[in-house]
Amino acid sequence: HPHITTDYSESQLELITGVHATPETCLEELLRVHQFTMRALG
C-alpha cells in the first residue's frame, strides 16, 4: 500500500503522504489517510 503500512510492529501503523508543494496540502492528505484508517479500526 502506498500510504498505509506498518513500521516495526504489526500493531504500529505508518501513514505516508505523497510529495507536496505546500504544508497545507501535505497535512490535508495526512488527514484523509487518518480518516480512512480510523474508520477501519473498529
Full PDB file with SEQRES, HELIX, SHEET, SSBOND, CRYST1, ORIGX, SCALE, CONECT and MASTER records, all heavy atoms in Angstrom:
SEQRES   1 A   42  HIS PRO HIS ILE THR THR ASP TYR SER GLU SER GLN LEU          
SEQRES   2 A   42  GLU LEU ILE THR GLY VAL HIS ALA THR PRO GLU THR CYS          
SEQRES   3 A   42  LEU GLU GLU LEU LEU ARG VAL HIS GLN PHE THR MET ARG          
SEQRES   4 A   42  ALA LEU GLY                                                  
HELIX    1 AA1 PRO A   23  ARG A   39  1                                  17    
SHEET    1 AA1 2 ILE A   4  THR A   6  0                                        
SHEET    2 AA1 2 LEU A  13  LEU A  15 -1                                        
CRYST1    1.000    1.000    1.000  90.00  90.00  90.00 P 1           1          
ORIGX1      1.000000  0.000000  0.000000        0.00000                         
ORIGX2      0.000000  1.000000  0.000000        0.00000                         
ORIGX3      0.000000  0.000000  1.000000        0.00000                         
SCALE1      1.000000  0.000000  0.000000        0.00000                         
SCALE2      0.000000  1.000000  0.000000        0.00000                         
SCALE3      0.000000  0.000000  1.000000        0.00000                         
ATOM      1  N   HIS A   1       0.846  -1.203   0.000  1.00  0.00           N  
ATOM      2  CA  HIS A   1       0.000   0.000   0.000  1.00  0.00           C  
ATOM      3  C   HIS A   1       0.880   1.253   0.000  1.00  0.00           C  
ATOM      4  O   HIS A   1       1.816   1.355   0.789  1.00  0.00           O  
ATOM      5  CB  HIS A   1      -0.918   0.008   1.231  1.00  0.00           C  
ATOM      6  CG  HIS A   1      -2.075   0.946   1.094  1.00  0.00           C  
ATOM      7  ND1 HIS A   1      -1.926   2.306   0.994  1.00  0.00           N  
ATOM      8  CD2 HIS A   1      -3.417   0.714   1.040  1.00  0.00           C  
ATOM      9  CE1 HIS A   1      -3.115   2.879   0.884  1.00  0.00           C  
ATOM     10  NE2 HIS A   1      -4.037   1.928   0.901  1.00  0.00           N  
ATOM     11  N   PRO A   2       0.602   2.221  -0.886  1.00  0.00           N  
ATOM     12  CA  PRO A   2       1.474   3.404  -0.965  1.00  0.00           C  
ATOM     13  C   PRO A   2       1.351   4.362   0.223  1.00  0.00           C  
ATOM     14  O   PRO A   2       2.259   5.158   0.458  1.00  0.00           O  
ATOM     15  CB  PRO A   2       1.013   4.097  -2.258  1.00  0.00           C  
ATOM     16  CG  PRO A   2      -0.393   3.612  -2.486  1.00  0.00           C  
ATOM     17  CD  PRO A   2      -0.459   2.230  -1.916  1.00  0.00           C  
ATOM     18  N   HIS A   3       0.245   4.299   0.968  1.00  0.00           N  
ATOM     19  CA  HIS A   3       0.022   5.289   2.030  1.00  0.00           C  
ATOM     20  C   HIS A   3      -0.163   4.696   3.424  1.00  0.00           C  
ATOM     21  O   HIS A   3      -0.080   5.430   4.420  1.00  0.00           O  
ATOM     22  CB  HIS A   3      -1.212   6.148   1.716  1.00  0.00           C  
ATOM     23  CG  HIS A   3      -1.087   6.917   0.445  1.00  0.00           C  
ATOM     24  ND1 HIS A   3      -0.176   7.930   0.266  1.00  0.00           N  
ATOM     25  CD2 HIS A   3      -1.748   6.804  -0.738  1.00  0.00           C  
ATOM     26  CE1 HIS A   3      -0.280   8.422  -0.949  1.00  0.00           C  
ATOM     27  NE2 HIS A   3      -1.217   7.747  -1.587  1.00  0.00           N  
ATOM     28  N   ILE A   4      -0.451   3.397   3.520  1.00  0.00           N  
ATOM     29  CA  ILE A   4      -0.738   2.792   4.830  1.00  0.00           C  
ATOM     30  C   ILE A   4       0.068   1.507   4.957  1.00  0.00           C  
ATOM     31  O   ILE A   4      -0.181   0.528   4.251  1.00  0.00           O  
ATOM     32  CB  ILE A   4      -2.244   2.479   4.989  1.00  0.00           C  
ATOM     33  CG1 ILE A   4      -3.085   3.750   4.777  1.00  0.00           C  
ATOM     34  CG2 ILE A   4      -2.510   1.892   6.374  1.00  0.00           C  
ATOM     35  CD1 ILE A   4      -4.584   3.483   4.645  1.00  0.00           C  
ATOM     36  N   THR A   5       1.033   1.516   5.856  1.00  0.00           N  
ATOM     37  CA  THR A   5       1.840   0.316   6.073  1.00  0.00           C  
ATOM     38  C   THR A   5       2.047   0.140   7.575  1.00  0.00           C  
ATOM     39  O   THR A   5       1.343   0.738   8.379  1.00  0.00           O  
ATOM     40  CB  THR A   5       3.169   0.410   5.294  1.00  0.00           C  
ATOM     41  OG1 THR A   5       3.909  -0.794   5.481  1.00  0.00           O  
ATOM     42  CG2 THR A   5       4.014   1.581   5.722  1.00  0.00           C  
ATOM     43  N   THR A   6       2.974  -0.730   7.942  1.00  0.00           N  
ATOM     44  CA  THR A   6       3.341  -0.871   9.352  1.00  0.00           C  
ATOM     45  C   THR A   6       4.833  -0.605   9.467  1.00  0.00           C  
ATOM     46  O   THR A   6       5.586  -0.799   8.512  1.00  0.00           O  
ATOM     47  CB  THR A   6       3.033  -2.289   9.883  1.00  0.00           C  
ATOM     48  OG1 THR A   6       3.621  -3.250   9.004  1.00  0.00           O  
ATOM     49  CG2 THR A   6       1.541  -2.523   9.976  1.00  0.00           C  
ATOM     50  N   ASP A   7       5.248  -0.154  10.637  1.00  0.00           N  
ATOM     51  CA  ASP A   7       6.672   0.094  10.839  1.00  0.00           C  
ATOM     52  C   ASP A   7       7.289  -1.150  11.459  1.00  0.00           C  
ATOM     53  O   ASP A   7       7.385  -2.183  10.812  1.00  0.00           O  
ATOM     54  CB  ASP A   7       6.881   1.345  11.688  1.00  0.00           C  
ATOM     55  CG  ASP A   7       8.339   1.787  11.659  1.00  0.00           C  
ATOM     56  OD1 ASP A   7       8.780   2.367  10.649  1.00  0.00           O  
ATOM     57  OD2 ASP A   7       9.054   1.498  12.628  1.00  0.00           O  
ATOM     58  N   TYR A   8       7.670  -1.115  12.723  1.00  0.00           N  
ATOM     59  CA  TYR A   8       8.313  -2.302  13.293  1.00  0.00           C  
ATOM     60  C   TYR A   8       7.295  -3.395  13.593  1.00  0.00           C  
ATOM     61  O   TYR A   8       7.435  -4.551  13.207  1.00  0.00           O  
ATOM     62  CB  TYR A   8       9.058  -1.944  14.583  1.00  0.00           C  
ATOM     63  CG  TYR A   8       9.609  -3.180  15.258  1.00  0.00           C  
ATOM     64  CD1 TYR A   8      10.735  -3.803  14.739  1.00  0.00           C  
ATOM     65  CD2 TYR A   8       8.963  -3.767  16.347  1.00  0.00           C  
ATOM     66  CE1 TYR A   8      11.218  -4.973  15.300  1.00  0.00           C  
ATOM     67  CE2 TYR A   8       9.448  -4.929  16.917  1.00  0.00           C  
ATOM     68  CZ  TYR A   8      10.574  -5.526  16.394  1.00  0.00           C  
ATOM     69  OH  TYR A   8      11.037  -6.680  16.948  1.00  0.00           O  
ATOM     70  N   SER A   9       6.267  -2.993  14.327  1.00  0.00           N  
ATOM     71  CA  SER A   9       5.316  -3.981  14.846  1.00  0.00           C  
ATOM     72  C   SER A   9       4.096  -4.101  13.949  1.00  0.00           C  
ATOM     73  O   SER A   9       3.715  -3.154  13.259  1.00  0.00           O  
ATOM     74  CB  SER A   9       4.871  -3.559  16.257  1.00  0.00           C  
ATOM     75  OG  SER A   9       3.832  -4.390  16.733  1.00  0.00           O  
ATOM     76  N   GLU A  10       3.474  -5.260  13.989  1.00  0.00           N  
ATOM     77  CA  GLU A  10       2.179  -5.453  13.334  1.00  0.00           C  
ATOM     78  C   GLU A  10       1.170  -4.433  13.876  1.00  0.00           C  
ATOM     79  O   GLU A  10       0.235  -4.048  13.184  1.00  0.00           O  
ATOM     80  CB  GLU A  10       1.698  -6.890  13.596  1.00  0.00           C  
ATOM     81  CG  GLU A  10       0.444  -7.291  12.864  1.00  0.00           C  
ATOM     82  CD  GLU A  10       0.641  -7.541  11.368  1.00  0.00           C  
ATOM     83  OE1 GLU A  10       1.752  -7.344  10.847  1.00  0.00           O  
ATOM     84  OE2 GLU A  10      -0.339  -7.937  10.717  1.00  0.00           O  
ATOM     85  N   SER A  11       1.390  -3.985  15.109  1.00  0.00           N  
ATOM     86  CA  SER A  11       0.475  -3.043  15.761  1.00  0.00           C  
ATOM     87  C   SER A  11       0.875  -1.589  15.550  1.00  0.00           C  
ATOM     88  O   SER A  11       0.272  -0.697  16.142  1.00  0.00           O  
ATOM     89  CB  SER A  11       0.445  -3.310  17.272  1.00  0.00           C  
ATOM     90  OG  SER A  11       0.375  -4.685  17.545  1.00  0.00           O  
ATOM     91  N   GLN A  12       1.907  -1.338  14.747  1.00  0.00           N  
ATOM     92  CA  GLN A  12       2.429   0.031  14.584  1.00  0.00           C  
ATOM     93  C   GLN A  12       2.177   0.504  13.157  1.00  0.00           C  
ATOM     94  O   GLN A  12       2.897   0.171  12.238  1.00  0.00           O  
ATOM     95  CB  GLN A  12       3.921   0.060  14.899  1.00  0.00           C  
ATOM     96  CG  GLN A  12       4.518   1.455  14.954  1.00  0.00           C  
ATOM     97  CD  GLN A  12       5.973   1.404  15.393  1.00  0.00           C  
ATOM     98  OE1 GLN A  12       6.696   0.463  15.056  1.00  0.00           O  
ATOM     99  NE2 GLN A  12       6.409   2.392  16.150  1.00  0.00           N  
ATOM    100  N   LEU A  13       1.129   1.293  13.001  1.00  0.00           N  
ATOM    101  CA  LEU A  13       0.793   1.813  11.682  1.00  0.00           C  
ATOM    102  C   LEU A  13       1.762   2.902  11.259  1.00  0.00           C  
ATOM    103  O   LEU A  13       2.267   3.659  12.092  1.00  0.00           O  
ATOM    104  CB  LEU A  13      -0.630   2.396  11.701  1.00  0.00           C  
ATOM    105  CG  LEU A  13      -1.775   1.376  11.700  1.00  0.00           C  
ATOM    106  CD1 LEU A  13      -3.092   2.072  11.981  1.00  0.00           C  
ATOM    107  CD2 LEU A  13      -1.836   0.646  10.363  1.00  0.00           C  
ATOM    108  N   GLU A  14       2.017   2.970   9.965  1.00  0.00           N  
ATOM    109  CA  GLU A  14       2.773   4.083   9.400  1.00  0.00           C  
ATOM    110  C   GLU A  14       1.952   4.665   8.261  1.00  0.00           C  
ATOM    111  O   GLU A  14       1.616   3.964   7.305  1.00  0.00           O  
ATOM    112  CB  GLU A  14       4.153   3.632   8.895  1.00  0.00           C  
ATOM    113  CG  GLU A  14       4.981   4.794   8.395  1.00  0.00           C  
ATOM    114  CD  GLU A  14       6.412   4.409   8.027  1.00  0.00           C  
ATOM    115  OE1 GLU A  14       6.868   3.329   8.443  1.00  0.00           O  
ATOM    116  OE2 GLU A  14       7.062   5.189   7.328  1.00  0.00           O  
ATOM    117  N   LEU A  15       1.598   5.936   8.397  1.00  0.00           N  
ATOM    118  CA  LEU A  15       0.760   6.620   7.419  1.00  0.00           C  
ATOM    119  C   LEU A  15       1.635   7.593   6.633  1.00  0.00           C  
ATOM    120  O   LEU A  15       2.388   8.380   7.218  1.00  0.00           O  
ATOM    121  CB  LEU A  15      -0.379   7.357   8.134  1.00  0.00           C  
ATOM    122  CG  LEU A  15      -1.206   6.486   9.096  1.00  0.00           C  
ATOM    123  CD1 LEU A  15      -2.335   7.288   9.721  1.00  0.00           C  
ATOM    124  CD2 LEU A  15      -1.761   5.244   8.402  1.00  0.00           C  
ATOM    125  N   ILE A  16       1.545   7.528   5.309  1.00  0.00           N  
ATOM    126  CA  ILE A  16       2.527   8.183   4.435  1.00  0.00           C  
ATOM    127  C   ILE A  16       1.824   9.089   3.429  1.00  0.00           C  
ATOM    128  O   ILE A  16       0.887   8.664   2.754  1.00  0.00           O  
ATOM    129  CB  ILE A  16       3.342   7.110   3.668  1.00  0.00           C  
ATOM    130  CG1 ILE A  16       4.025   6.150   4.649  1.00  0.00           C  
ATOM    131  CG2 ILE A  16       4.361   7.750   2.740  1.00  0.00           C  
ATOM    132  CD1 ILE A  16       4.495   4.851   4.014  1.00  0.00           C  
ATOM    133  N   THR A  17       2.308  10.328   3.317  1.00  0.00           N  
ATOM    134  CA  THR A  17       1.776  11.217   2.282  1.00  0.00           C  
ATOM    135  C   THR A  17       2.643  11.125   1.029  1.00  0.00           C  
ATOM    136  O   THR A  17       3.760  10.612   1.068  1.00  0.00           O  
ATOM    137  CB  THR A  17       1.769  12.690   2.731  1.00  0.00           C  
ATOM    138  OG1 THR A  17       3.122  13.189   2.722  1.00  0.00           O  
ATOM    139  CG2 THR A  17       1.165  12.866   4.112  1.00  0.00           C  
ATOM    140  N   GLY A  18       2.131  11.675  -0.045  1.00  0.00           N  
ATOM    141  CA  GLY A  18       2.959  11.877  -1.228  1.00  0.00           C  
ATOM    142  C   GLY A  18       3.822  13.121  -1.042  1.00  0.00           C  
ATOM    143  O   GLY A  18       3.970  13.634   0.071  1.00  0.00           O  
ATOM    144  N   VAL A  19       4.381  13.611  -2.141  1.00  0.00           N  
ATOM    145  CA  VAL A  19       5.244  14.802  -2.123  1.00  0.00           C  
ATOM    146  C   VAL A  19       4.381  16.029  -2.391  1.00  0.00           C  
ATOM    147  O   VAL A  19       3.566  16.027  -3.321  1.00  0.00           O  
ATOM    148  CB  VAL A  19       6.342  14.676  -3.198  1.00  0.00           C  
ATOM    149  CG1 VAL A  19       7.245  15.891  -3.191  1.00  0.00           C  
ATOM    150  CG2 VAL A  19       7.149  13.396  -2.971  1.00  0.00           C  
ATOM    151  N   HIS A  20       4.564  17.085  -1.588  1.00  0.00           N  
ATOM    152  CA  HIS A  20       3.655  18.245  -1.669  1.00  0.00           C  
ATOM    153  C   HIS A  20       4.392  19.571  -1.809  1.00  0.00           C  
ATOM    154  O   HIS A  20       5.485  19.759  -1.276  1.00  0.00           O  
ATOM    155  CB  HIS A  20       2.765  18.292  -0.426  1.00  0.00           C  
ATOM    156  CG  HIS A  20       1.733  17.211  -0.413  1.00  0.00           C  
ATOM    157  ND1 HIS A  20       0.483  17.371  -0.967  1.00  0.00           N  
ATOM    158  CD2 HIS A  20       1.771  15.939   0.046  1.00  0.00           C  
ATOM    159  CE1 HIS A  20      -0.208  16.242  -0.841  1.00  0.00           C  
ATOM    160  NE2 HIS A  20       0.558  15.358  -0.233  1.00  0.00           N  
ATOM    161  N   ALA A  21       3.717  20.500  -2.496  1.00  0.00           N  
ATOM    162  CA  ALA A  21       4.277  21.832  -2.727  1.00  0.00           C  
ATOM    163  C   ALA A  21       4.030  22.770  -1.560  1.00  0.00           C  
ATOM    164  O   ALA A  21       4.702  23.791  -1.438  1.00  0.00           O  
ATOM    165  CB  ALA A  21       3.684  22.429  -4.005  1.00  0.00           C  
ATOM    166  N   THR A  22       3.046  22.454  -0.687  1.00  0.00           N  
ATOM    167  CA  THR A  22       2.771  23.316   0.471  1.00  0.00           C  
ATOM    168  C   THR A  22       2.530  22.464   1.714  1.00  0.00           C  
ATOM    169  O   THR A  22       2.083  21.315   1.616  1.00  0.00           O  
ATOM    170  CB  THR A  22       1.517  24.192   0.263  1.00  0.00           C  
ATOM    171  OG1 THR A  22       0.353  23.341   0.266  1.00  0.00           O  
ATOM    172  CG2 THR A  22       1.575  24.975  -1.037  1.00  0.00           C  
ATOM    173  N   PRO A  23       2.801  23.038   2.900  1.00  0.00           N  
ATOM    174  CA  PRO A  23       2.475  22.327   4.145  1.00  0.00           C  
ATOM    175  C   PRO A  23       0.987  21.998   4.232  1.00  0.00           C  
ATOM    176  O   PRO A  23       0.607  20.936   4.737  1.00  0.00           O  
ATOM    177  CB  PRO A  23       2.877  23.331   5.232  1.00  0.00           C  
ATOM    178  CG  PRO A  23       3.947  24.168   4.617  1.00  0.00           C  
ATOM    179  CD  PRO A  23       3.537  24.301   3.171  1.00  0.00           C  
ATOM    180  N   GLU A  24       0.134  22.915   3.728  1.00  0.00           N  
ATOM    181  CA  GLU A  24      -1.316  22.712   3.857  1.00  0.00           C  
ATOM    182  C   GLU A  24      -1.782  21.471   3.108  1.00  0.00           C  
ATOM    183  O   GLU A  24      -2.526  20.649   3.652  1.00  0.00           O  
ATOM    184  CB  GLU A  24      -2.076  23.948   3.338  1.00  0.00           C  
ATOM    185  CG  GLU A  24      -1.925  25.187   4.191  1.00  0.00           C  
ATOM    186  CD  GLU A  24      -0.564  25.870   4.057  1.00  0.00           C  
ATOM    187  OE1 GLU A  24       0.154  25.633   3.058  1.00  0.00           O  
ATOM    188  OE2 GLU A  24      -0.218  26.649   4.966  1.00  0.00           O  
ATOM    189  N   THR A  25      -1.346  21.328   1.836  1.00  0.00           N  
ATOM    190  CA  THR A  25      -1.803  20.159   1.069  1.00  0.00           C  
ATOM    191  C   THR A  25      -1.223  18.872   1.639  1.00  0.00           C  
ATOM    192  O   THR A  25      -1.861  17.820   1.615  1.00  0.00           O  
ATOM    193  CB  THR A  25      -1.448  20.282  -0.426  1.00  0.00           C  
ATOM    194  OG1 THR A  25      -0.028  20.425  -0.558  1.00  0.00           O  
ATOM    195  CG2 THR A  25      -2.154  21.463  -1.063  1.00  0.00           C  
ATOM    196  N   CYS A  26      -0.011  18.959   2.195  1.00  0.00           N  
ATOM    197  CA  CYS A  26       0.611  17.794   2.825  1.00  0.00           C  
ATOM    198  C   CYS A  26      -0.234  17.321   4.012  1.00  0.00           C  
ATOM    199  O   CYS A  26      -0.540  16.132   4.157  1.00  0.00           O  
ATOM    200  CB  CYS A  26       2.026  18.166   3.280  1.00  0.00           C  
ATOM    201  SG  CYS A  26       3.004  16.777   3.855  1.00  0.00           S  
ATOM    202  N   LEU A  27      -0.655  18.276   4.849  1.00  0.00           N  
ATOM    203  CA  LEU A  27      -1.456  17.924   6.028  1.00  0.00           C  
ATOM    204  C   LEU A  27      -2.873  17.505   5.642  1.00  0.00           C  
ATOM    205  O   LEU A  27      -3.477  16.665   6.322  1.00  0.00           O  
ATOM    206  CB  LEU A  27      -1.490  19.096   7.008  1.00  0.00           C  
ATOM    207  CG  LEU A  27      -0.183  19.318   7.773  1.00  0.00           C  
ATOM    208  CD1 LEU A  27      -0.272  20.570   8.642  1.00  0.00           C  
ATOM    209  CD2 LEU A  27       0.168  18.109   8.644  1.00  0.00           C  
ATOM    210  N   GLU A  28      -3.402  18.077   4.550  1.00  0.00           N  
ATOM    211  CA  GLU A  28      -4.728  17.649   4.084  1.00  0.00           C  
ATOM    212  C   GLU A  28      -4.698  16.169   3.709  1.00  0.00           C  
ATOM    213  O   GLU A  28      -5.616  15.410   4.040  1.00  0.00           O  
ATOM    214  CB  GLU A  28      -5.158  18.472   2.861  1.00  0.00           C  
ATOM    215  CG  GLU A  28      -5.757  19.821   3.211  1.00  0.00           C  
ATOM    216  CD  GLU A  28      -5.853  20.725   1.983  1.00  0.00           C  
ATOM    217  OE1 GLU A  28      -5.918  20.183   0.839  1.00  0.00           O  
ATOM    218  OE2 GLU A  28      -5.838  21.955   2.163  1.00  0.00           O  
ATOM    219  N   GLU A  29      -3.635  15.761   3.004  1.00  0.00           N  
ATOM    220  CA  GLU A  29      -3.546  14.348   2.634  1.00  0.00           C  
ATOM    221  C   GLU A  29      -3.362  13.473   3.867  1.00  0.00           C  
ATOM    222  O   GLU A  29      -3.994  12.423   4.002  1.00  0.00           O  
ATOM    223  CB  GLU A  29      -2.402  14.090   1.647  1.00  0.00           C  
ATOM    224  CG  GLU A  29      -2.390  12.630   1.220  1.00  0.00           C  
ATOM    225  CD  GLU A  29      -1.316  12.271   0.214  1.00  0.00           C  
ATOM    226  OE1 GLU A  29      -0.326  13.009   0.074  1.00  0.00           O  
ATOM    227  OE2 GLU A  29      -1.471  11.201  -0.418  1.00  0.00           O  
ATOM    228  N   LEU A  30      -2.504  13.914   4.794  1.00  0.00           N  
ATOM    229  CA  LEU A  30      -2.304  13.148   6.028  1.00  0.00           C  
ATOM    230  C   LEU A  30      -3.628  12.988   6.778  1.00  0.00           C  
ATOM    231  O   LEU A  30      -3.923  11.915   7.312  1.00  0.00           O  
ATOM    232  CB  LEU A  30      -1.262  13.847   6.909  1.00  0.00           C  
ATOM    233  CG  LEU A  30      -0.818  13.084   8.157  1.00  0.00           C  
ATOM    234  CD1 LEU A  30      -0.107  11.777   7.798  1.00  0.00           C  
ATOM    235  CD2 LEU A  30       0.095  13.952   9.029  1.00  0.00           C  
ATOM    236  N   LEU A  31      -4.425  14.040   6.796  1.00  0.00           N  
ATOM    237  CA  LEU A  31      -5.733  13.981   7.463  1.00  0.00           C  
ATOM    238  C   LEU A  31      -6.640  12.952   6.787  1.00  0.00           C  
ATOM    239  O   LEU A  31      -7.281  12.138   7.467  1.00  0.00           O  
ATOM    240  CB  LEU A  31      -6.391  15.366   7.438  1.00  0.00           C  
ATOM    241  CG  LEU A  31      -7.815  15.434   8.000  1.00  0.00           C  
ATOM    242  CD1 LEU A  31      -7.826  15.101   9.487  1.00  0.00           C  
ATOM    243  CD2 LEU A  31      -8.426  16.815   7.759  1.00  0.00           C  
ATOM    244  N   ARG A  32      -6.670  12.958   5.451  1.00  0.00           N  
ATOM    245  CA  ARG A  32      -7.545  11.997   4.743  1.00  0.00           C  
ATOM    246  C   ARG A  32      -7.107  10.555   5.007  1.00  0.00           C  
ATOM    247  O   ARG A  32      -7.945   9.670   5.185  1.00  0.00           O  
ATOM    248  CB  ARG A  32      -7.559  12.301   3.243  1.00  0.00           C  
ATOM    249  CG  ARG A  32      -8.377  13.527   2.878  1.00  0.00           C  
ATOM    250  CD  ARG A  32      -8.682  13.587   1.390  1.00  0.00           C  
ATOM    251  NE  ARG A  32      -7.483  13.720   0.578  1.00  0.00           N  
ATOM    252  CZ  ARG A  32      -6.882  14.875   0.306  1.00  0.00           C  
ATOM    253  NH1 ARG A  32      -7.390  16.001   0.764  1.00  0.00           N  
ATOM    254  NH2 ARG A  32      -5.800  14.911  -0.451  1.00  0.00           N  
ATOM    255  N   VAL A  33      -5.797  10.311   5.022  1.00  0.00           N  
ATOM    256  CA  VAL A  33      -5.309   8.951   5.312  1.00  0.00           C  
ATOM    257  C   VAL A  33      -5.740   8.554   6.728  1.00  0.00           C  
ATOM    258  O   VAL A  33      -6.154   7.409   6.963  1.00  0.00           O  
ATOM    259  CB  VAL A  33      -3.773   8.864   5.150  1.00  0.00           C  
ATOM    260  CG1 VAL A  33      -3.302   7.446   5.455  1.00  0.00           C  
ATOM    261  CG2 VAL A  33      -3.344   9.244   3.737  1.00  0.00           C  
ATOM    262  N   HIS A  34      -5.656   9.499   7.663  1.00  0.00           N  
ATOM    263  CA  HIS A  34      -6.110   9.221   9.038  1.00  0.00           C  
ATOM    264  C   HIS A  34      -7.605   8.904   9.077  1.00  0.00           C  
ATOM    265  O   HIS A  34      -8.024   7.987   9.791  1.00  0.00           O  
ATOM    266  CB  HIS A  34      -5.851  10.441   9.935  1.00  0.00           C  
ATOM    267  CG  HIS A  34      -4.498  10.464  10.560  1.00  0.00           C  
ATOM    268  ND1 HIS A  34      -3.382  10.897   9.890  1.00  0.00           N  
ATOM    269  CD2 HIS A  34      -4.064  10.105  11.796  1.00  0.00           C  
ATOM    270  CE1 HIS A  34      -2.331  10.817  10.688  1.00  0.00           C  
ATOM    271  NE2 HIS A  34      -2.714  10.332  11.839  1.00  0.00           N  
ATOM    272  N   GLN A  35      -8.384   9.690   8.344  1.00  0.00           N  
ATOM    273  CA  GLN A  35      -9.836   9.472   8.381  1.00  0.00           C  
ATOM    274  C   GLN A  35     -10.205   8.071   7.886  1.00  0.00           C  
ATOM    275  O   GLN A  35     -11.020   7.382   8.497  1.00  0.00           O  
ATOM    276  CB  GLN A  35     -10.541  10.532   7.533  1.00  0.00           C  
ATOM    277  CG  GLN A  35     -10.540  11.913   8.171  1.00  0.00           C  
ATOM    278  CD  GLN A  35     -11.252  12.922   7.286  1.00  0.00           C  
ATOM    279  OE1 GLN A  35     -10.681  13.446   6.338  1.00  0.00           O  
ATOM    280  NE2 GLN A  35     -12.516  13.180   7.570  1.00  0.00           N  
ATOM    281  N   PHE A  36      -9.588   7.666   6.780  1.00  0.00           N  
ATOM    282  CA  PHE A  36      -9.880   6.337   6.255  1.00  0.00           C  
ATOM    283  C   PHE A  36      -9.417   5.261   7.237  1.00  0.00           C  
ATOM    284  O   PHE A  36     -10.143   4.297   7.526  1.00  0.00           O  
ATOM    285  CB  PHE A  36      -9.196   6.132   4.901  1.00  0.00           C  
ATOM    286  CG  PHE A  36      -9.371   4.741   4.360  1.00  0.00           C  
ATOM    287  CD1 PHE A  36     -10.577   4.340   3.810  1.00  0.00           C  
ATOM    288  CD2 PHE A  36      -8.331   3.808   4.422  1.00  0.00           C  
ATOM    289  CE1 PHE A  36     -10.745   3.043   3.326  1.00  0.00           C  
ATOM    290  CE2 PHE A  36      -8.492   2.520   3.943  1.00  0.00           C  
ATOM    291  CZ  PHE A  36      -9.705   2.134   3.387  1.00  0.00           C  
ATOM    292  N   THR A  37      -8.202   5.446   7.773  1.00  0.00           N  
ATOM    293  CA  THR A  37      -7.633   4.458   8.700  1.00  0.00           C  
ATOM    294  C   THR A  37      -8.505   4.310   9.937  1.00  0.00           C  
ATOM    295  O   THR A  37      -8.800   3.197  10.381  1.00  0.00           O  
ATOM    296  CB  THR A  37      -6.202   4.877   9.088  1.00  0.00           C  
ATOM    297  OG1 THR A  37      -5.403   4.961   7.911  1.00  0.00           O  
ATOM    298  CG2 THR A  37      -5.575   3.883  10.060  1.00  0.00           C  
ATOM    299  N   MET A  38      -8.915   5.438  10.499  1.00  0.00           N  
ATOM    300  CA  MET A  38      -9.709   5.405  11.736  1.00  0.00           C  
ATOM    301  C   MET A  38     -11.015   4.654  11.533  1.00  0.00           C  
ATOM    302  O   MET A  38     -11.481   3.946  12.419  1.00  0.00           O  
ATOM    303  CB  MET A  38      -9.981   6.844  12.188  1.00  0.00           C  
ATOM    304  CG  MET A  38     -10.224   6.987  13.661  1.00  0.00           C  
ATOM    305  SD  MET A  38      -8.860   6.401  14.706  1.00  0.00           S  
ATOM    306  CE  MET A  38      -7.858   7.859  14.847  1.00  0.00           C  
ATOM    307  N   ARG A  39     -11.596   4.781  10.337  1.00  0.00           N  
ATOM    308  CA  ARG A  39     -12.862   4.083  10.062  1.00  0.00           C  
ATOM    309  C   ARG A  39     -12.675   2.570   9.996  1.00  0.00           C  
ATOM    310  O   ARG A  39     -13.635   1.819  10.091  1.00  0.00           O  
ATOM    311  CB  ARG A  39     -13.457   4.606   8.743  1.00  0.00           C  
ATOM    312  CG  ARG A  39     -14.140   5.939   8.901  1.00  0.00           C  
ATOM    313  CD  ARG A  39     -14.386   6.664   7.573  1.00  0.00           C  
ATOM    314  NE  ARG A  39     -15.338   7.760   7.754  1.00  0.00           N  
ATOM    315  CZ  ARG A  39     -15.050   8.903   8.380  1.00  0.00           C  
ATOM    316  NH1 ARG A  39     -13.849   9.091   8.889  1.00  0.00           N  
ATOM    317  NH2 ARG A  39     -15.965   9.849   8.525  1.00  0.00           N  
ATOM    318  N   ALA A  40     -11.439   2.125   9.799  1.00  0.00           N  
ATOM    319  CA  ALA A  40     -11.167   0.681   9.682  1.00  0.00           C  
ATOM    320  C   ALA A  40     -10.756   0.059  11.015  1.00  0.00           C  
ATOM    321  O   ALA A  40     -10.560  -1.154  11.100  1.00  0.00           O  
ATOM    322  CB  ALA A  40     -10.070   0.448   8.647  1.00  0.00           C  
ATOM    323  N   LEU A  41     -10.608   0.880  12.061  1.00  0.00           N  
ATOM    324  CA  LEU A  41     -10.026   0.369  13.315  1.00  0.00           C  
ATOM    325  C   LEU A  41     -11.035  -0.232  14.283  1.00  0.00           C  
ATOM    326  O   LEU A  41     -10.642  -0.831  15.283  1.00  0.00           O  
ATOM    327  CB  LEU A  41      -9.255   1.494  14.037  1.00  0.00           C  
ATOM    328  CG  LEU A  41      -7.956   1.952  13.380  1.00  0.00           C  
ATOM    329  CD1 LEU A  41      -7.206   2.908  14.305  1.00  0.00           C  
ATOM    330  CD2 LEU A  41      -7.055   0.784  13.011  1.00  0.00           C  
ATOM    331  N   GLY A  42     -12.324  -0.059  14.028  1.00  0.00           N  
ATOM    332  CA  GLY A  42     -13.314  -0.639  14.948  1.00  0.00           C  
ATOM    333  C   GLY A  42     -13.166  -0.052  16.338  1.00  0.00           C  
ATOM    334  O   GLY A  42     -13.165   1.168  16.521  1.00  0.00           O  
TER     335      GLY A  42                                                      
MASTER        0    0    0    1    2    0    0    6  334    1    0    4          
END                                                                             
